[in-house]
Protein backbone atom coordinates (compact mmCIF):
# COMPACT_ATOMS: atom_id res chain seq x y z
CA MET A 1 0.00 0.00 0.00
CA HIS A 2 1.27 3.45 -0.90
CA PRO A 3 2.05 5.32 2.33
CA THR A 4 0.53 8.66 1.32
CA ASP A 5 -2.54 7.99 -0.77
CA GLY A 6 -3.67 4.49 0.25
CA THR A 7 -3.38 2.99 -3.24
CA VAL A 8 -1.98 -0.47 -3.79
CA ALA A 9 1.03 -0.73 -6.11
CA GLY A 10 0.19 -2.46 -9.37
CA VAL A 11 -3.57 -2.27 -8.87
CA PRO A 12 -5.31 0.17 -11.21
CA GLU A 13 -7.67 2.77 -9.83
CA PRO A 14 -11.23 1.50 -10.09
CA ARG A 15 -13.30 2.86 -12.96
CA THR A 16 -16.14 4.97 -11.71
CA LEU A 17 -19.49 4.86 -13.43
CA SER A 18 -21.15 7.87 -15.03
CA GLY A 19 -24.87 7.05 -14.84
CA LEU A 20 -27.28 6.57 -11.96
CA ILE A 21 -30.68 4.96 -12.52
CA VAL A 22 -32.93 4.79 -9.45
CA ASP A 23 -36.31 3.20 -8.76
CA TYR A 24 -38.96 5.17 -6.88
CA GLY A 25 -41.14 2.67 -4.99
CA GLY A 26 -39.24 0.96 -2.18
CA VAL A 27 -36.21 3.25 -2.63
CA LEU A 28 -37.03 6.94 -2.81
CA ASP A 29 -40.31 6.59 -0.92
CA ASP A 30 -38.37 5.11 2.03
CA LEU A 31 -39.40 7.54 4.80
CA ASP A 32 -36.16 7.00 6.70
CA GLY A 33 -33.70 7.26 3.83
CA GLY A 34 -35.55 8.64 0.82
CA PRO A 35 -34.63 12.30 1.44
CA ARG A 36 -30.95 11.37 1.90
CA LEU A 37 -30.97 9.38 -1.32
CA LEU A 38 -32.63 12.25 -3.18
CA ASP A 39 -29.96 14.62 -1.86
CA TYR A 40 -27.34 12.19 -3.16
CA VAL A 41 -28.96 12.15 -6.60
CA ARG A 42 -28.74 15.95 -6.71
CA ARG A 43 -25.11 15.88 -5.54
CA ALA A 44 -24.25 13.24 -8.16
CA ALA A 45 -25.93 15.27 -10.92
CA ASP A 46 -24.02 18.36 -9.81
CA GLY A 47 -20.85 16.26 -10.12
CA GLY A 48 -21.60 15.34 -13.74
CA ILE A 49 -23.35 12.01 -13.22
CA ARG A 50 -26.27 11.46 -15.61
CA THR A 51 -29.40 10.51 -13.69
CA ALA A 52 -32.68 8.78 -14.42
CA LEU A 53 -35.65 7.95 -12.26
CA PHE A 54 -36.95 4.64 -13.62
CA SER A 55 -40.13 3.34 -12.03
CA GLY A 56 -43.03 1.11 -12.84
CA ALA A 57 -45.24 3.66 -11.08
CA HIS A 58 -47.66 5.78 -13.09
CA ALA A 59 -46.66 8.96 -11.25
CA VAL A 60 -44.06 10.19 -8.76
CA PRO A 61 -43.97 13.34 -6.62
CA ASP A 62 -42.87 16.45 -8.53
CA ASP A 63 -40.02 17.24 -6.11
CA CYS A 64 -38.66 13.75 -6.63
CA ALA A 65 -38.89 13.90 -10.42
CA ALA A 66 -37.23 17.34 -10.45
CA ALA A 67 -34.04 15.88 -8.94
CA PHE A 68 -33.42 13.73 -12.04
CA GLY A 69 -32.27 14.60 -15.53
CA THR A 70 -34.64 12.02 -17.01
CA VAL A 71 -37.85 10.45 -15.69
CA LEU A 72 -39.03 7.12 -17.11
CA LEU A 73 -42.34 5.71 -15.88
CA GLY A 74 -43.78 2.35 -16.90
CA ALA A 75 -42.41 0.65 -20.00
CA VAL A 76 -39.40 1.97 -21.91
CA ARG A 77 -39.36 1.09 -25.62
CA GLY A 78 -41.96 -1.58 -24.89
CA ALA A 79 -39.94 -3.29 -22.14
CA ARG A 80 -40.75 -3.30 -18.43
CA LYS A 81 -38.59 -4.05 -15.42
CA PRO A 82 -37.10 -6.57 -14.73
CA ASP A 83 -36.47 -7.21 -18.46
CA PRO A 84 -32.81 -6.44 -19.24
CA GLU A 85 -33.99 -4.58 -22.35
CA ALA A 86 -35.80 -2.09 -20.11
CA PHE A 87 -32.56 -1.27 -18.32
CA ALA A 88 -30.64 -1.02 -21.60
CA ALA A 89 -33.30 1.43 -22.83
CA ALA A 90 -33.10 3.42 -19.58
CA ALA A 91 -29.32 3.73 -19.98
CA ALA A 92 -29.77 4.79 -23.61
CA ALA A 93 -32.27 7.43 -22.48
CA ILE A 94 -29.45 9.15 -20.58
CA GLY A 95 -27.00 8.66 -23.42
CA LEU A 96 -24.98 5.84 -21.88
CA ALA A 97 -24.34 2.14 -22.26
CA PRO A 98 -25.62 -0.04 -19.42
CA ALA A 99 -22.01 -0.83 -18.48
CA ASP A 100 -21.56 2.83 -17.54
CA CYS A 101 -24.52 2.85 -15.15
CA VAL A 102 -25.43 1.78 -11.65
CA VAL A 103 -29.06 0.82 -11.05
CA VAL A 104 -30.62 1.03 -7.58
CA ASP A 105 -33.77 -1.00 -6.96
CA ASP A 106 -35.31 -2.72 -3.96
CA ILE A 107 -36.43 -5.79 -5.90
CA GLY A 108 -33.86 -8.52 -6.48
CA ALA A 109 -35.28 -9.52 -9.87
CA CYS A 110 -34.83 -5.94 -11.08
CA VAL A 111 -31.25 -5.82 -9.83
CA ARG A 112 -30.58 -9.08 -11.69
CA GLY A 113 -32.25 -7.67 -14.82
CA ALA A 114 -30.02 -4.60 -14.64
CA ALA A 115 -26.95 -6.79 -14.23
CA ALA A 116 -28.02 -8.95 -17.19
CA ALA A 117 -28.16 -5.76 -19.27
CA GLY A 118 -24.56 -5.01 -18.25
CA ALA A 119 -25.19 -2.42 -15.52
CA VAL A 120 -24.01 -2.62 -11.94
CA GLY A 121 -27.00 -3.40 -9.75
CA VAL A 122 -27.39 -2.31 -6.14
CA GLN A 123 -30.26 -3.77 -4.14
CA HIS A 124 -31.59 -1.13 -1.77
CA VAL A 125 -32.07 -2.43 1.76
CA SER A 126 -31.19 0.72 3.69
CA ALA A 127 -30.10 4.26 2.88
CA ASP A 128 -26.78 3.77 4.68
CA ALA A 129 -25.89 0.65 2.69
CA THR A 130 -27.02 2.10 -0.64
CA LEU A 131 -25.16 5.37 -0.11
CA ALA A 132 -21.98 3.51 0.85
CA GLU A 133 -22.15 1.51 -2.40
CA LEU A 134 -22.91 4.57 -4.52
CA GLU A 135 -19.98 6.51 -3.07
CA ILE A 136 -17.64 3.73 -4.21
CA LEU A 137 -19.23 3.17 -7.61
CA LEU A 138 -19.77 6.80 -8.63
CA GLY A 139 -16.94 8.50 -6.76
CA VAL A 140 -19.34 11.09 -5.33
CA THR A 141 -19.52 11.49 -1.56
CA ALA A 142 -22.87 11.51 0.19
CA GLY A 143 -21.99 14.56 2.23
CA PRO A 144 -22.71 15.22 5.90
């Protein structure tokens, strides 16, 4: 380990992702952690991360939708979650390949669908755990 910066000799710096796709129900409507996650989305967008809210819901609160660069509700290009094609279309909607995106969802089948599309999937179980993963994957700190 390098004594000043904590890197390991011979190990490349991890590649950070440039897209964040987040589900609404079960993630952002989490009364305990939803506001913290929404703050993180705003911070990530301010840091240059492309963001999409991708939900099977028919509607989401306006303040939630306003935090994202793109809002996708229901089917995308005829595909619905957990179909990998739906996640590929969501990534394309923000101008990225799935491999450049992290997808946060509370449903395991959706996380697996995102991974099958080539994205990194994070299953939301708590705000603390999700934020810790996102900090590593996106290189954006969650703040205070």
